[in-house]
Amino acid sequence: MAASPPAWNRTSDPFAELISADAIAARVAELGAQITAEYAPLAKDNEVVLIGVLKGSVIFLADLARHIALPIYMDFIGIKIGD
């Protein structure tokens, strides 16, 4: 089991870990390898474009980008819900 995050990073309420940090990291690495394999032929002339929705995707997209062994271009869009 992964170590608990520092106390300043979460509330004191108990929580149930549904997916371990190690399992998430392994899956992100798998996705990066899959993207690298599938887009390698296209990346000779173009960059792979990663687009994330602000604010929730920043950490995930950064982790994913580290596992893609191709030239990438990363951008973010903001979405406003409601007024």
C-alpha atoms as a PDB file:
ATOM      1  CA  MET A   1       0.000   0.000   0.000  1.00  0.00           C
ATOM      2  CA  ALA A   2       1.219   3.480  -0.840  1.00  0.00           C
ATOM      3  CA  ALA A   3       2.245   5.836   1.913  1.00  0.00           C
ATOM      4  CA  SER A   4      -0.372   8.296   3.120  1.00  0.00           C
ATOM      5  CA  PRO A   5      -0.104  11.821   1.752  1.00  0.00           C
ATOM      6  CA  PRO A   6       1.127  14.496   4.139  1.00  0.00           C
ATOM      7  CA  ALA A   7      -1.489  15.805   6.558  1.00  0.00           C
ATOM      8  CA  TRP A   8      -1.467  19.257   4.913  1.00  0.00           C
ATOM      9  CA  ASN A   9      -2.610  17.636   1.666  1.00  0.00           C
ATOM     10  CA  ARG A  10      -5.942  16.241   2.882  1.00  0.00           C
ATOM     11  CA  THR A  11      -8.636  16.570   5.480  1.00  0.00           C
ATOM     12  CA  SER A  12      -8.661  14.519   8.636  1.00  0.00           C
ATOM     13  CA  ASP A  13     -11.805  12.682   7.483  1.00  0.00           C
ATOM     14  CA  PRO A  14     -11.245   8.957   6.896  1.00  0.00           C
ATOM     15  CA  PHE A  15     -11.268   7.772   3.309  1.00  0.00           C
ATOM     16  CA  ALA A  16     -11.239   4.476   1.482  1.00  0.00           C
ATOM     17  CA  GLU A  17      -8.523   4.067  -1.105  1.00  0.00           C
ATOM     18  CA  LEU A  18     -10.178   2.633  -4.201  1.00  0.00           C
ATOM     19  CA  ILE A  19      -7.150   2.564  -6.490  1.00  0.00           C
ATOM     20  CA  SER A  20      -3.598   2.717  -5.207  1.00  0.00           C
ATOM     21  CA  ALA A  21      -1.161   5.392  -6.343  1.00  0.00           C
ATOM     22  CA  ASP A  22       1.094   2.650  -7.697  1.00  0.00           C
ATOM     23  CA  ALA A  23      -1.732   1.216  -9.817  1.00  0.00           C
ATOM     24  CA  ILE A  24      -2.536   4.660 -11.222  1.00  0.00           C
ATOM     25  CA  ALA A  25       1.132   5.343 -11.993  1.00  0.00           C
ATOM     26  CA  ALA A  26       1.458   1.976 -13.736  1.00  0.00           C
ATOM     27  CA  ARG A  27      -1.616   2.620 -15.874  1.00  0.00           C
ATOM     28  CA  VAL A  28      -0.425   6.117 -16.832  1.00  0.00           C
ATOM     29  CA  ALA A  29       2.904   4.585 -17.910  1.00  0.00           C
ATOM     30  CA  GLU A  30       1.007   1.999 -19.997  1.00  0.00           C
ATOM     31  CA  LEU A  31      -1.038   4.753 -21.667  1.00  0.00           C
ATOM     32  CA  GLY A  32       2.127   6.713 -22.442  1.00  0.00           C
ATOM     33  CA  ALA A  33       3.739   3.641 -24.007  1.00  0.00           C
ATOM     34  CA  GLN A  34       0.593   2.935 -26.036  1.00  0.00           C
ATOM     35  CA  ILE A  35       0.389   6.526 -27.308  1.00  0.00           C
ATOM     36  CA  THR A  36       4.090   6.396 -28.203  1.00  0.00           C
ATOM     37  CA  ALA A  37       3.629   3.151 -30.157  1.00  0.00           C
ATOM     38  CA  GLU A  38       0.485   4.243 -31.996  1.00  0.00           C
ATOM     39  CA  TYR A  39       1.569   7.777 -32.885  1.00  0.00           C
ATOM     40  CA  ALA A  40       5.248   7.168 -33.646  1.00  0.00           C
ATOM     41  CA  PRO A  41       4.666   6.953 -37.430  1.00  0.00           C
ATOM     42  CA  LEU A  42       2.738  10.252 -37.403  1.00  0.00           C
ATOM     43  CA  ALA A  43       5.146  12.043 -35.075  1.00  0.00           C
ATOM     44  CA  LYS A  44       7.908  12.124 -37.674  1.00  0.00           C
ATOM     45  CA  ASP A  45       6.309  15.209 -39.198  1.00  0.00           C
ATOM     46  CA  ASN A  46       3.991  16.380 -36.404  1.00  0.00           C
ATOM     47  CA  GLU A  47       3.814  16.760 -32.657  1.00  0.00           C
ATOM     48  CA  VAL A  48       1.380  14.788 -30.550  1.00  0.00           C
ATOM     49  CA  VAL A  49      -1.135  17.271 -29.134  1.00  0.00           C
ATOM     50  CA  LEU A  50      -2.296  16.792 -25.548  1.00  0.00           C
ATOM     51  CA  ILE A  51      -5.281  18.887 -24.465  1.00  0.00           C
ATOM     52  CA  GLY A  52      -6.462  18.942 -20.857  1.00  0.00           C
ATOM     53  CA  VAL A  53      -9.361  20.605 -19.111  1.00  0.00           C
ATOM     54  CA  LEU A  54      -8.206  23.039 -16.423  1.00  0.00           C
ATOM     55  CA  LYS A  55      -7.885  22.551 -13.361  1.00  0.00           C
ATOM     56  CA  GLY A  56      -8.440  18.871 -12.795  1.00  0.00           C
ATOM     57  CA  SER A  57      -6.247  17.426 -15.523  1.00  0.00           C
ATOM     58  CA  VAL A  58      -2.970  19.295 -14.950  1.00  0.00           C
ATOM     59  CA  ILE A  59      -1.207  16.694 -12.786  1.00  0.00           C
ATOM     60  CA  PHE A  60      -2.501  13.756 -14.830  1.00  0.00           C
ATOM     61  CA  LEU A  61      -1.532  15.303 -18.156  1.00  0.00           C
ATOM     62  CA  ALA A  62       1.944  16.192 -16.873  1.00  0.00           C
ATOM     63  CA  ASP A  63       2.461  12.614 -15.684  1.00  0.00           C
ATOM     64  CA  LEU A  64       1.204  11.251 -19.002  1.00  0.00           C
ATOM     65  CA  ALA A  65       3.456  13.584 -21.006  1.00  0.00           C
ATOM     66  CA  ARG A  66       6.516  12.266 -19.149  1.00  0.00           C
ATOM     67  CA  HIS A  67       5.750   8.781 -20.468  1.00  0.00           C
ATOM     68  CA  ILE A  68       5.317   9.750 -24.116  1.00  0.00           C
ATOM     69  CA  ALA A  69       8.591   9.386 -25.981  1.00  0.00           C
ATOM     70  CA  LEU A  70       7.602  11.683 -28.843  1.00  0.00           C
ATOM     71  CA  PRO A  71       7.564  15.422 -29.471  1.00  0.00           C
ATOM     72  CA  ILE A  72       4.445  16.792 -27.817  1.00  0.00           C
ATOM     73  CA  TYR A  73       2.517  20.023 -27.658  1.00  0.00           C
ATOM     74  CA  MET A  74       0.453  20.481 -24.510  1.00  0.00           C
ATOM     75  CA  ASP A  75      -2.369  22.946 -24.062  1.00  0.00           C
ATOM     76  CA  PHE A  76      -5.250  23.446 -21.676  1.00  0.00           C
ATOM     77  CA  ILE A  77      -8.780  24.730 -22.010  1.00  0.00           C
ATOM     78  CA  GLY A  78     -10.933  26.258 -19.319  1.00  0.00           C
ATOM     79  CA  ILE A  79     -14.606  25.437 -18.997  1.00  0.00           C
ATOM     80  CA  LYS A  80     -17.091  27.501 -17.070  1.00  0.00           C
ATOM     81  CA  ILE A  81     -20.265  25.864 -15.816  1.00  0.00           C
ATOM     82  CA  GLY A  82     -23.194  28.090 -14.917  1.00  0.00           C
ATOM     83  CA  ASP A  83     -23.152  31.836 -14.507  1.00  0.00           C
END
